[in-house]
PDB file of N, CA and C in Angstrom:
ATOM      1  N   UNK A   1     115.606  83.608  84.247  1.00  0.00           N
ATOM      2  CA  UNK A   1     115.254  83.984  85.736  1.00  0.00           C
ATOM      3  C   UNK A   1     115.277  82.759  86.610  1.00  0.00           C
ATOM      4  N   UNK A   2     115.944  82.676  87.583  1.00  0.00           N
ATOM      5  CA  UNK A   2     116.118  81.474  88.378  1.00  0.00           C
ATOM      6  C   UNK A   2     114.795  81.280  89.104  1.00  0.00           C
ATOM      7  N   UNK A   3     114.539  79.951  89.650  1.00  0.00           N
ATOM      8  CA  UNK A   3     113.331  79.629  90.289  1.00  0.00           C
ATOM      9  C   UNK A   3     113.502  80.373  91.752  1.00  0.00           C
ATOM     10  N   UNK A   4     114.646  80.442  92.263  1.00  0.00           N
ATOM     11  CA  UNK A   4     114.586  81.113  93.580  1.00  0.00           C
ATOM     12  C   UNK A   4     114.208  82.665  93.489  1.00  0.00           C
ATOM     13  N   UNK A   5     114.607  83.432  92.544  1.00  0.00           N
ATOM     14  CA  UNK A   5     114.302  84.764  92.348  1.00  0.00           C
ATOM     15  C   UNK A   5     112.807  85.088  92.274  1.00  0.00           C
ATOM     16  N   UNK A   6     112.177  84.062  91.395  1.00  0.00           N
ATOM     17  CA  UNK A   6     110.725  83.993  91.080  1.00  0.00           C
ATOM     18  C   UNK A   6     110.027  83.744  92.376  1.00  0.00           C
ATOM     19  N   UNK A   7     110.535  82.986  93.194  1.00  0.00           N
ATOM     20  CA  UNK A   7     109.983  82.386  94.559  1.00  0.00           C
ATOM     21  C   UNK A   7     109.955  83.697  95.435  1.00  0.00           C
ATOM     22  N   UNK A   8     111.051  84.392  95.476  1.00  0.00           N
ATOM     23  CA  UNK A   8     111.202  85.476  96.433  1.00  0.00           C
ATOM     24  C   UNK A   8     110.417  86.726  95.944  1.00  0.00           C
ATOM     25  N   UNK A   9     110.208  86.965  94.746  1.00  0.00           N
ATOM     26  CA  UNK A   9     109.287  87.960  94.012  1.00  0.00           C
ATOM     27  C   UNK A   9     107.903  87.490  94.508  1.00  0.00           C
ATOM     28  N   UNK A  10     107.525  86.351  94.411  1.00  0.00           N
ATOM     29  CA  UNK A  10     105.837  85.991  94.643  1.00  0.00           C
ATOM     30  C   UNK A  10     105.868  86.144  96.125  1.00  0.00           C
ATOM     31  N   UNK A  11     106.684  85.738  97.081  1.00  0.00           N
ATOM     32  CA  UNK A  11     106.740  85.858  98.463  1.00  0.00           C
ATOM     33  C   UNK A  11     106.534  87.367  98.866  1.00  0.00           C
ATOM     34  N   UNK A  12     107.231  88.225  98.333  1.00  0.00           N
ATOM     35  CA  UNK A  12     107.315  89.767  98.629  1.00  0.00           C
ATOM     36  C   UNK A  12     105.883  90.228  98.240  1.00  0.00           C
ATOM     37  N   UNK A  13     105.427  89.887  96.985  1.00  0.00           N
ATOM     38  CA  UNK A  13     104.087  90.402  96.536  1.00  0.00           C
ATOM     39  C   UNK A  13     103.107  89.866  97.536  1.00  0.00           C
ATOM     40  N   UNK A  14     103.088  88.792  98.046  1.00  0.00           N
ATOM     41  CA  UNK A  14     102.010  88.480  99.024  1.00  0.00           C
ATOM     42  C   UNK A  14     102.151  89.130 100.252  1.00  0.00           C
ATOM     43  N   UNK A  15     103.481  89.562 100.712  1.00  0.00           N
ATOM     44  CA  UNK A  15     103.610  90.345 101.890  1.00  0.00           C
ATOM     45  C   UNK A  15     103.064  91.669 101.755  1.00  0.00           C
ATOM     46  N   UNK A  16     103.364  92.172 100.529  1.00  0.00           N
ATOM     47  CA  UNK A  16     103.150  93.547 100.173  1.00  0.00           C
ATOM     48  C   UNK A  16     101.493  93.801 100.124  1.00  0.00           C
ATOM     49  N   UNK A  17     100.701  92.718  99.629  1.00  0.00           N
ATOM     50  CA  UNK A  17      99.521  92.632  99.360  1.00  0.00           C
ATOM     51  C   UNK A  17      98.875  92.516 100.835  1.00  0.00           C
ATOM     52  N   UNK A  18      99.480  91.837 101.725  1.00  0.00           N
ATOM     53  CA  UNK A  18      98.873  91.527 103.113  1.00  0.00           C
ATOM     54  C   UNK A  18      98.991  92.793 103.932  1.00  0.00           C
ATOM     55  N   UNK A  19     100.059  93.471 103.914  1.00  0.00           N
ATOM     56  CA  UNK A  19     100.106  94.702 104.557  1.00  0.00           C
ATOM     57  C   UNK A  19      99.408  95.794 104.117  1.00  0.00           C
ATOM     58  N   UNK A  20      99.414  95.957 102.766  1.00  0.00           N
ATOM     59  CA  UNK A  20      98.503  97.027 102.150  1.00  0.00           C
ATOM     60  C   UNK A  20      97.192  97.007 102.398  1.00  0.00           C
ATOM     61  N   UNK A  21      96.579  95.700 102.368  1.00  0.00           N
ATOM     62  CA  UNK A  21      95.220  95.539 102.730  1.00  0.00           C
ATOM     63  C   UNK A  21      94.736  95.425 104.068  1.00  0.00           C
ATOM     64  N   UNK A  22      95.826  95.394 105.147  1.00  0.00           N
ATOM     65  CA  UNK A  22      95.531  95.376 106.430  1.00  0.00           C
ATOM     66  C   UNK A  22      94.925  96.691 107.065  1.00  0.00           C
ATOM     67  N   UNK A  23      93.806  96.786 107.377  1.00  0.00           N
ATOM     68  CA  UNK A  23      93.138  98.218 107.965  1.00  0.00           C
ATOM     69  C   UNK A  23      93.613  98.462 109.174  1.00  0.00           C
ATOM     70  N   UNK A  24      94.267  97.613 110.094  1.00  0.00           N
ATOM     71  CA  UNK A  24      94.835  97.760 111.358  1.00  0.00           C
ATOM     72  C   UNK A  24      96.302  98.332 111.238  1.00  0.00           C
ATOM     73  N   UNK A  25      96.849  98.454 110.255  1.00  0.00           N
ATOM     74  CA  UNK A  25      98.089  99.046 110.131  1.00  0.00           C
ATOM     75  C   UNK A  25      97.912 100.379 109.440  1.00  0.00           C
ATOM     76  N   UNK A  26      98.209 101.549 110.404  1.00  0.00           N
ATOM     77  CA  UNK A  26      97.718 102.774 110.032  1.00  0.00           C
ATOM     78  C   UNK A  26      98.933 103.518 109.447  1.00  0.00           C
ATOM     79  N   UNK A  27      98.809 104.112 108.284  1.00  0.00           N
ATOM     80  CA  UNK A  27      99.618 104.762 107.353  1.00  0.00           C
ATOM     81  C   UNK A  27      99.744 106.304 107.622  1.00  0.00           C
ATOM     82  N   UNK A  28     100.360 107.143 107.059  1.00  0.00           N
ATOM     83  CA  UNK A  28     100.272 108.544 107.248  1.00  0.00           C
ATOM     84  C   UNK A  28      99.444 108.930 105.902  1.00  0.00           C
ATOM     85  N   UNK A  29      98.940 110.126 106.053  1.00  0.00           N
ATOM     86  CA  UNK A  29      98.056 110.733 105.059  1.00  0.00           C
ATOM     87  C   UNK A  29      98.909 111.972 104.497  1.00  0.00           C
ATOM     88  N   UNK A  30      98.980 112.045 103.230  1.00  0.00           N
ATOM     89  CA  UNK A  30      99.706 113.304 102.759  1.00  0.00           C
ATOM     90  C   UNK A  30      98.726 114.402 102.385  1.00  0.00           C
ATOM     91  N   UNK A  31      97.742 113.882 101.780  1.00  0.00           N
ATOM     92  CA  UNK A  31      96.547 114.669 101.309  1.00  0.00           C
ATOM     93  C   UNK A  31      95.294 114.133 101.742  1.00  0.00           C
ATOM     94  N   UNK A  32      94.102 114.606 101.502  1.00  0.00           N
ATOM     95  CA  UNK A  32      92.676 113.872 101.833  1.00  0.00           C
ATOM     96  C   UNK A  32      92.746 112.708 101.227  1.00  0.00           C
ATOM     97  N   UNK A  33      93.131 112.516 100.027  1.00  0.00           N
ATOM     98  CA  UNK A  33      92.805 111.333  99.092  1.00  0.00           C
ATOM     99  C   UNK A  33      94.264 110.497  98.910  1.00  0.00           C
ATOM    100  N   UNK A  34      95.359 110.940  99.440  1.00  0.00           N
ATOM    101  CA  UNK A  34      96.698 110.358  99.321  1.00  0.00           C
ATOM    102  C   UNK A  34      97.298 109.746 100.483  1.00  0.00           C
ATOM    103  N   UNK A  35      97.699 108.660 100.490  1.00  0.00           N
ATOM    104  CA  UNK A  35      98.212 108.004 101.786  1.00  0.00           C
ATOM    105  C   UNK A  35      99.519 107.341 101.261  1.00  0.00           C
ATOM    106  N   UNK A  36     100.362 106.946 102.197  1.00  0.00           N
ATOM    107  CA  UNK A  36     101.608 106.213 101.902  1.00  0.00           C
ATOM    108  C   UNK A  36     101.888 105.133 103.029  1.00  0.00           C
ATOM    109  N   UNK A  37     101.933 103.917 102.685  1.00  0.00           N
ATOM    110  CA  UNK A  37     102.190 102.927 103.608  1.00  0.00           C
ATOM    111  C   UNK A  37     103.464 102.143 103.567  1.00  0.00           C
ATOM    112  N   UNK A  38     103.821 101.712 102.223  1.00  0.00           N
ATOM    113  CA  UNK A  38     105.123 100.945 102.000  1.00  0.00           C
ATOM    114  C   UNK A  38     105.466 101.069 100.515  1.00  0.00           C
ATOM    115  N   UNK A  39     106.480 101.961 100.497  1.00  0.00           N
ATOM    116  CA  UNK A  39     107.117 102.054  99.141  1.00  0.00           C
ATOM    117  C   UNK A  39     108.124 100.559  98.989  1.00  0.00           C
ATOM    118  N   UNK A  40     108.068 100.051  97.993  1.00  0.00           N
ATOM    119  CA  UNK A  40     108.974  98.833  97.669  1.00  0.00           C
ATOM    120  C   UNK A  40     109.827  99.151  96.482  1.00  0.00           C
ATOM    121  N   UNK A  41     110.885  98.385  96.582  1.00  0.00           N
ATOM    122  CA  UNK A  41     111.925  98.394  95.540  1.00  0.00           C
ATOM    123  C   UNK A  41     112.673  97.142  95.585  1.00  0.00           C
ATOM    124  N   UNK A  42     112.501  96.105  94.609  1.00  0.00           N
ATOM    125  CA  UNK A  42     113.265  94.844  94.481  1.00  0.00           C
ATOM    126  C   UNK A  42     112.910  94.251  95.974  1.00  0.00           C
ATOM    127  N   UNK A  43     113.965  93.846  96.840  1.00  0.00           N
ATOM    128  CA  UNK A  43     113.739  93.249  98.073  1.00  0.00           C
ATOM    129  C   UNK A  43     113.687  94.179  99.215  1.00  0.00           C
ATOM    130  N   UNK A  44     113.835  95.440  98.851  1.00  0.00           N
ATOM    131  CA  UNK A  44     113.810  96.517  99.965  1.00  0.00           C
ATOM    132  C   UNK A  44     112.339  97.218 100.233  1.00  0.00           C
ATOM    133  N   UNK A  45     112.085  97.205 101.340  1.00  0.00           N
ATOM    134  CA  UNK A  45     110.634  97.854 101.698  1.00  0.00           C
ATOM    135  C   UNK A  45     110.951  98.697 102.864  1.00  0.00           C
ATOM    136  N   UNK A  46     109.945  99.929 102.699  1.00  0.00           N
ATOM    137  CA  UNK A  46     110.046 100.889 103.596  1.00  0.00           C
ATOM    138  C   UNK A  46     108.544 100.961 104.244  1.00  0.00           C
ATOM    139  N   UNK A  47     108.316 100.896 105.603  1.00  0.00           N
ATOM    140  CA  UNK A  47     107.027 101.192 106.078  1.00  0.00           C
ATOM    141  C   UNK A  47     106.976 102.422 106.788  1.00  0.00           C
ATOM    142  N   UNK A  48     105.838 103.175 106.486  1.00  0.00           N
ATOM    143  CA  UNK A  48     105.653 104.520 106.826  1.00  0.00           C
ATOM    144  C   UNK A  48     104.373 104.464 107.515  1.00  0.00           C
ATOM    145  N   UNK A  49     104.443 104.654 109.015  1.00  0.00           N
ATOM    146  CA  UNK A  49     103.178 104.436 109.790  1.00  0.00           C
ATOM    147  C   UNK A  49     103.000 105.614 110.650  1.00  0.00           C
ATOM    148  N   UNK A  50     101.775 105.737 111.052  1.00  0.00           N
ATOM    149  CA  UNK A  50     101.575 106.995 112.168  1.00  0.00           C
ATOM    150  C   UNK A  50     102.169 106.432 113.534  1.00  0.00           C
ATOM    151  N   UNK A  51     101.811 107.398 114.406  1.00  0.00           N
ATOM    152  CA  UNK A  51     102.400 106.931 115.818  1.00  0.00           C
ATOM    153  C   UNK A  51     101.494 105.893 116.604  1.00  0.00           C
ATOM    154  N   UNK A  52     100.846 105.228 116.013  1.00  0.00           N
ATOM    155  CA  UNK A  52      99.932 104.158 116.733  1.00  0.00           C
ATOM    156  C   UNK A  52     100.915 102.916 116.731  1.00  0.00           C
ATOM    157  N   UNK A  53     101.317 102.504 118.165  1.00  0.00           N
ATOM    158  CA  UNK A  53     102.352 101.356 118.270  1.00  0.00           C
ATOM    159  C   UNK A  53     101.808  99.973 117.840  1.00  0.00           C
ATOM    160  N   UNK A  54     100.344 100.070 117.748  1.00  0.00           N
ATOM    161  CA  UNK A  54      99.806  98.718 117.393  1.00  0.00           C
ATOM    162  C   UNK A  54     100.158  98.610 115.855  1.00  0.00           C
ATOM    163  N   UNK A  55     100.136  99.378 115.000  1.00  0.00           N
ATOM    164  CA  UNK A  55     100.635  99.395 113.683  1.00  0.00           C
ATOM    165  C   UNK A  55     101.765  98.806 113.610  1.00  0.00           C
ATOM    166  N   UNK A  56     102.854  99.283 114.450  1.00  0.00           N
ATOM    167  CA  UNK A  56     104.327  98.622 114.364  1.00  0.00           C
ATOM    168  C   UNK A  56     104.377  97.269 114.780  1.00  0.00           C
ATOM    169  N   UNK A  57     103.513  97.018 115.882  1.00  0.00           N
ATOM    170  CA  UNK A  57     103.622  95.605 116.272  1.00  0.00           C
ATOM    171  C   UNK A  57     102.934  94.636 115.166  1.00  0.00           C
ATOM    172  N   UNK A  58     101.973  94.991 114.487  1.00  0.00           N
ATOM    173  CA  UNK A  58     101.229  94.207 113.409  1.00  0.00           C
ATOM    174  C   UNK A  58     102.277  94.040 112.249  1.00  0.00           C
ATOM    175  N   UNK A  59     103.090  95.218 111.840  1.00  0.00           N
ATOM    176  CA  UNK A  59     104.129  94.877 110.825  1.00  0.00           C
ATOM    177  C   UNK A  59     105.140  94.018 111.164  1.00  0.00           C
ATOM    178  N   UNK A  60     105.683  93.988 112.555  1.00  0.00           N
ATOM    179  CA  UNK A  60     106.450  93.009 113.000  1.00  0.00           C
ATOM    180  C   UNK A  60     105.832  91.528 112.906  1.00  0.00           C
ATOM    181  N   UNK A  61     104.615  91.436 113.357  1.00  0.00           N
ATOM    182  CA  UNK A  61     103.928  90.269 113.390  1.00  0.00           C
ATOM    183  C   UNK A  61     103.946  89.746 111.763  1.00  0.00           C
ATOM    184  N   UNK A  62     103.347  90.489 110.947  1.00  0.00           N
ATOM    185  CA  UNK A  62     103.476  90.101 109.436  1.00  0.00           C
ATOM    186  C   UNK A  62     104.863  89.840 108.964  1.00  0.00           C
ATOM    187  N   UNK A  63     105.931  90.456 109.384  1.00  0.00           N
ATOM    188  CA  UNK A  63     107.276  90.228 108.955  1.00  0.00           C
ATOM    189  C   UNK A  63     107.871  88.830 109.369  1.00  0.00           C
ATOM    190  N   UNK A  64     107.395  88.542 110.714  1.00  0.00           N
ATOM    191  CA  UNK A  64     107.678  87.350 111.327  1.00  0.00           C
ATOM    192  C   UNK A  64     106.908  86.147 110.780  1.00  0.00           C
ATOM    193  N   UNK A  65     105.719  86.400 110.452  1.00  0.00           N
ATOM    194  CA  UNK A  65     104.831  85.290 109.741  1.00  0.00           C
ATOM    195  C   UNK A  65     105.601  85.058 108.332  1.00  0.00           C
ATOM    196  N   UNK A  66     106.005  86.211 107.557  1.00  0.00           N
ATOM    197  CA  UNK A  66     106.617  86.314 106.499  1.00  0.00           C
ATOM    198  C   UNK A  66     107.844  85.225 106.462  1.00  0.00           C
ATOM    199  N   UNK A  67     108.629  85.353 107.285  1.00  0.00           N
ATOM    200  CA  UNK A  67     109.855  84.884 107.622  1.00  0.00           C
ATOM    201  C   UNK A  67     109.757  83.444 107.818  1.00  0.00           C
ATOM    202  N   UNK A  68     108.539  82.948 108.592  1.00  0.00           N
ATOM    203  CA  UNK A  68     108.427  81.699 109.077  1.00  0.00           C
ATOM    204  C   UNK A  68     107.816  80.936 107.718  1.00  0.00           C
ATOM    205  N   UNK A  69     107.063  81.470 106.932  1.00  0.00           N
ATOM    206  CA  UNK A  69     106.393  80.865 105.756  1.00  0.00           C
ATOM    207  C   UNK A  69     107.373  80.893 104.588  1.00  0.00           C
ATOM    208  N   UNK A  70     108.339  81.849 104.361  1.00  0.00           N
ATOM    209  CA  UNK A  70     108.992  81.847 103.211  1.00  0.00           C
ATOM    210  C   UNK A  70     110.572  81.361 103.314  1.00  0.00           C
ATOM    211  N   UNK A  71     110.845  81.175 104.651  1.00  0.00           N
ATOM    212  CA  UNK A  71     112.322  81.008 105.117  1.00  0.00           C
ATOM    213  C   UNK A  71     113.295  82.115 104.812  1.00  0.00           C
ATOM    214  N   UNK A  72     112.695  83.363 104.178  1.00  0.00           N
ATOM    215  CA  UNK A  72     113.540  84.627 104.088  1.00  0.00           C
ATOM    216  C   UNK A  72     113.691  85.274 105.235  1.00  0.00           C
ATOM    217  N   UNK A  73     115.003  85.912 105.568  1.00  0.00           N
ATOM    218  CA  UNK A  73     115.232  86.463 106.820  1.00  0.00           C
ATOM    219  C   UNK A  73     115.209  88.062 106.710  1.00  0.00           C
ATOM    220  N   UNK A  74     114.990  88.830 107.630  1.00  0.00           N
ATOM    221  CA  UNK A  74     115.031  90.212 107.842  1.00  0.00           C
ATOM    222  C   UNK A  74     116.471  90.526 107.949  1.00  0.00           C
ATOM    223  N   UNK A  75     117.094  91.390 107.366  1.00  0.00           N
ATOM    224  CA  UNK A  75     118.389  91.936 107.537  1.00  0.00           C
ATOM    225  C   UNK A  75     118.316  92.987 108.567  1.00  0.00           C
ATOM    226  N   UNK A  76     118.601  92.582 109.843  1.00  0.00           N
ATOM    227  CA  UNK A  76     118.279  93.486 110.947  1.00  0.00           C
ATOM    228  C   UNK A  76     119.442  94.660 111.040  1.00  0.00           C
ATOM    229  N   UNK A  77     120.509  94.451 110.349  1.00  0.00           N
ATOM    230  CA  UNK A  77     121.482  95.391 110.316  1.00  0.00           C
ATOM    231  C   UNK A  77     121.069  96.616 109.469  1.00  0.00           C
ATOM    232  N   UNK A  78     120.100  96.433 108.523  1.00  0.00           N
ATOM    233  CA  UNK A  78     119.715  97.373 107.541  1.00  0.00           C
ATOM    234  C   UNK A  78     118.268  97.943 108.026  1.00  0.00           C
ATOM    235  N   UNK A  79     117.808  97.559 109.178  1.00  0.00           N
ATOM    236  CA  UNK A  79     116.481  97.964 109.680  1.00  0.00           C
ATOM    237  C   UNK A  79     116.611  99.082 110.622  1.00  0.00           C
ATOM    238  N   UNK A  80     115.979 100.260 110.292  1.00  0.00           N
ATOM    239  CA  UNK A  80     116.173 101.503 111.148  1.00  0.00           C
ATOM    240  C   UNK A  80     114.890 101.875 111.264  1.00  0.00           C
ATOM    241  N   UNK A  81     114.433 102.320 112.651  1.00  0.00           N
ATOM    242  CA  UNK A  81     113.193 102.742 112.975  1.00  0.00           C
ATOM    243  C   UNK A  81     113.512 104.365 113.212  1.00  0.00           C
ATOM    244  N   UNK A  82     112.854 105.279 112.368  1.00  0.00           N
ATOM    245  CA  UNK A  82     113.033 106.664 112.518  1.00  0.00           C
ATOM    246  C   UNK A  82     111.877 107.037 113.445  1.00  0.00           C
ATOM    247  N   UNK A  83     112.064 107.633 114.527  1.00  0.00           N
ATOM    248  CA  UNK A  83     110.959 108.072 115.440  1.00  0.00           C
ATOM    249  C   UNK A  83     110.784 109.648 115.066  1.00  0.00           C
ATOM    250  N   UNK A  84     109.585 110.018 114.827  1.00  0.00           N
ATOM    251  CA  UNK A  84     109.304 111.246 114.425  1.00  0.00           C
ATOM    252  C   UNK A  84     108.070 111.899 115.291  1.00  0.00           C
ATOM    253  N   UNK A  85     107.646 113.128 115.101  1.00  0.00           N
ATOM    254  CA  UNK A  85     106.588 113.728 115.839  1.00  0.00           C
ATOM    255  C   UNK A  85     106.799 113.438 117.375  1.00  0.00           C
ATOM    256  N   UNK A  86     105.502 113.267 118.081  1.00  0.00           N
ATOM    257  CA  UNK A  86     105.655 113.067 119.485  1.00  0.00           C
ATOM    258  C   UNK A  86     106.496 111.836 119.917  1.00  0.00           C
ATOM    259  N   UNK A  87     106.978 111.043 119.093  1.00  0.00           N
ATOM    260  CA  UNK A  87     107.835 109.951 119.534  1.00  0.00           C
ATOM    261  C   UNK A  87     109.310 110.298 119.313  1.00  0.00           C
ATOM    262  N   UNK A  88     109.542 111.334 118.747  1.00  0.00           N
ATOM    263  CA  UNK A  88     110.983 111.685 118.542  1.00  0.00           C
ATOM    264  C   UNK A  88     111.891 111.793 119.806  1.00  0.00           C
ATOM    265  N   UNK A  89     111.280 112.266 120.926  1.00  0.00           N
ATOM    266  CA  UNK A  89     111.939 112.314 122.200  1.00  0.00           C
ATOM    267  C   UNK A  89     111.761 111.174 122.797  1.00  0.00           C
ATOM    268  N   UNK A  90     111.041 110.072 122.454  1.00  0.00           N
ATOM    269  CA  UNK A  90     110.800 108.783 123.301  1.00  0.00           C
ATOM    270  C   UNK A  90     112.083 107.929 123.208  1.00  0.00           C
ATOM    271  N   UNK A  91     112.132 107.314 124.339  1.00  0.00           N
ATOM    272  CA  UNK A  91     113.212 106.501 124.500  1.00  0.00           C
ATOM    273  C   UNK A  91     112.654 104.714 124.665  1.00  0.00           C
ATOM    274  N   UNK A  92     111.269 104.754 124.265  1.00  0.00           N
ATOM    275  CA  UNK A  92     110.642 103.402 124.215  1.00  0.00           C
ATOM    276  C   UNK A  92     111.286 102.717 123.206  1.00  0.00           C
ATOM    277  N   UNK A  93     111.511 101.415 123.383  1.00  0.00           N
ATOM    278  CA  UNK A  93     112.180 100.342 122.249  1.00  0.00           C
ATOM    279  C   UNK A  93     111.228  99.290 121.991  1.00  0.00           C
ATOM    280  N   UNK A  94     110.438  99.386 121.130  1.00  0.00           N
ATOM    281  CA  UNK A  94     109.456  98.305 120.786  1.00  0.00           C
ATOM    282  C   UNK A  94     110.093  97.164 120.047  1.00  0.00           C
ATOM    283  N   UNK A  95     109.740  96.070 120.641  1.00  0.00           N
ATOM    284  CA  UNK A  95     110.232  94.957 119.898  1.00  0.00           C
ATOM    285  C   UNK A  95     111.919  94.900 120.110  1.00  0.00           C
ATOM    286  N   UNK A  96     112.346  94.702 121.272  1.00  0.00           N
ATOM    287  CA  UNK A  96     113.805  94.839 121.553  1.00  0.00           C
ATOM    288  C   UNK A  96     114.419  93.570 121.021  1.00  0.00           C
ATOM    289  N   UNK A  97     113.834  92.561 121.097  1.00  0.00           N
ATOM    290  CA  UNK A  97     114.551  91.334 120.448  1.00  0.00           C
ATOM    291  C   UNK A  97     114.756  91.379 118.879  1.00  0.00           C
ATOM    292  N   UNK A  98     114.131  92.206 118.288  1.00  0.00           N
ATOM    293  CA  UNK A  98     114.299  92.426 116.892  1.00  0.00           C
ATOM    294  C   UNK A  98     115.648  93.285 116.619  1.00  0.00           C
ATOM    295  N   UNK A  99     116.241  94.044 117.623  1.00  0.00           N
ATOM    296  CA  UNK A  99     117.432  94.881 117.538  1.00  0.00           C
ATOM    297  C   UNK A  99     117.470  95.679 116.348  1.00  0.00           C
ATOM    298  N   UNK A 100     116.526  96.364 116.119  1.00  0.00           N
ATOM    299  CA  UNK A 100     116.439  97.469 115.106  1.00  0.00           C
ATOM    300  C   UNK A 100     117.285  98.564 115.485  1.00  0.00           C
ATOM    301  N   UNK A 101     117.785  99.259 114.663  1.00  0.00           N
ATOM    302  CA  UNK A 101     118.620 100.516 114.833  1.00  0.00           C
ATOM    303  C   UNK A 101     117.583 101.714 114.925  1.00  0.00           C
ATOM    304  N   UNK A 102     117.527 102.250 116.396  1.00  0.00           N
ATOM    305  CA  UNK A 102     116.663 103.261 116.597  1.00  0.00           C
ATOM    306  C   UNK A 102     117.262 104.734 116.334  1.00  0.00           C
ATOM    307  N   UNK A 103     116.515 105.539 115.861  1.00  0.00           N
ATOM    308  CA  UNK A 103     117.041 106.930 115.720  1.00  0.00           C
ATOM    309  C   UNK A 103     115.902 108.050 115.835  1.00  0.00           C
ATOM    310  N   UNK A 104     116.370 109.186 116.021  1.00  0.00           N
ATOM    311  CA  UNK A 104     115.437 110.243 115.971  1.00  0.00           C
ATOM    312  C   UNK A 104     115.978 111.283 115.104  1.00  0.00           C
ATOM    313  N   UNK A 105     117.066 111.058 114.283  1.00  0.00           N
ATOM    314  CA  UNK A 105     117.680 112.124 113.730  1.00  0.00           C
ATOM    315  C   UNK A 105     117.479 111.972 112.241  1.00  0.00           C
ATOM    316  N   UNK A 106     117.805 110.760 111.562  1.00  0.00           N
ATOM    317  CA  UNK A 106     117.784 110.499 110.009  1.00  0.00           C
ATOM    318  C   UNK A 106     117.895 109.159 109.710  1.00  0.00           C
ATOM    319  N   UNK A 107     117.228 108.680 108.647  1.00  0.00           N
ATOM    320  CA  UNK A 107     117.294 107.389 108.164  1.00  0.00           C
ATOM    321  C   UNK A 107     117.337 107.416 106.611  1.00  0.00           C
ATOM    322  N   UNK A 108     117.906 106.305 106.044  1.00  0.00           N
ATOM    323  CA  UNK A 108     117.958 106.534 104.531  1.00  0.00           C
ATOM    324  C   UNK A 108     117.428 105.116 104.123  1.00  0.00           C
ATOM    325  N   UNK A 109     116.670 105.115 103.143  1.00  0.00           N
ATOM    326  CA  UNK A 109     116.057 104.010 102.464  1.00  0.00           C
ATOM    327  C   UNK A 109     116.004 104.326 101.063  1.00  0.00           C
ATOM    328  N   UNK A 110     116.175 103.280 100.346  1.00  0.00           N
ATOM    329  CA  UNK A 110     115.769 103.465  98.700  1.00  0.00           C
ATOM    330  C   UNK A 110     116.711 104.723  98.284  1.00  0.00           C
ATOM    331  N   UNK A 111     117.931 104.931  98.771  1.00  0.00           N
ATOM    332  CA  UNK A 111     118.627 106.151  98.497  1.00  0.00           C
ATOM    333  C   UNK A 111     117.999 107.426  98.806  1.00  0.00           C
ATOM    334  N   UNK A 112     116.917 107.563  99.610  1.00  0.00           N
ATOM    335  CA  UNK A 112     116.299 108.759 100.146  1.00  0.00           C
ATOM    336  C   UNK A 112     116.646 108.876 101.412  1.00  0.00           C
ATOM    337  N   UNK A 113     117.104 110.165 102.034  1.00  0.00           N
ATOM    338  CA  UNK A 113     117.451 110.131 103.435  1.00  0.00           C
ATOM    339  C   UNK A 113     116.091 111.173 103.968  1.00  0.00           C
ATOM    340  N   UNK A 114     115.624 110.447 104.924  1.00  0.00           N
ATOM    341  CA  UNK A 114     114.700 111.407 105.855  1.00  0.00           C
ATOM    342  C   UNK A 114     115.282 111.947 107.080  1.00  0.00           C
ATOM    343  N   UNK A 115     115.330 113.193 107.022  1.00  0.00           N
ATOM    344  CA  UNK A 115     115.671 114.011 108.272  1.00  0.00           C
ATOM    345  C   UNK A 115     114.403 114.460 109.107  1.00  0.00           C
ATOM    346  N   UNK A 116     114.794 114.257 110.394  1.00  0.00           N
ATOM    347  CA  UNK A 116     113.827 114.545 111.442  1.00  0.00           C
ATOM    348  C   UNK A 116     114.009 115.954 111.876  1.00  0.00           C
ATOM    349  N   UNK A 117     113.464 116.925 111.025  1.00  0.00           N
ATOM    350  CA  UNK A 117     113.659 118.092 111.418  1.00  0.00           C
ATOM    351  C   UNK A 117     112.331 118.960 111.439  1.00  0.00           C
ATOM    352  N   UNK A 118     112.053 119.701 112.359  1.00  0.00           N
ATOM    353  CA  UNK A 118     110.542 120.312 112.666  1.00  0.00           C
ATOM    354  C   UNK A 118     110.541 121.590 111.951  1.00  0.00           C
ATOM    355  N   UNK A 119     111.850 122.138 111.500  1.00  0.00           N
ATOM    356  CA  UNK A 119     111.591 123.474 110.800  1.00  0.00           C
ATOM    357  C   UNK A 119     111.772 123.140 109.214  1.00  0.00           C
ATOM    358  N   UNK A 120     110.921 123.865 108.495  1.00  0.00           N
ATOM    359  CA  UNK A 120     110.702 123.671 107.069  1.00  0.00           C
ATOM    360  C   UNK A 120     111.331 124.856 106.362  1.00  0.00           C
TER     361      UNK A 120
END
């Protein structure tokens, strides 16, 4: 395994630990004892947050710090923000300079498509 790949894995592990342990980043709860914040696979990360905009800003701040310290960049063409719940009809664009793809319909990550449909 090349040194560069090992470096990337170590950097992503530090980022993951930083985000997972940050109590100011609010995830969503599935059950009383289950929560989900960040599924990871190789160099793909998905962040599942509640509707607290502070959590979104802290994630962006963490990713910016990660970029500055590791020299690894976010592929903004693959970054999609799926607005759900009360934010579904929102036209608020957080972090405009990041140029994320914003949608209220569906988003695909790790080969899983999340559809924003209120009927089950």
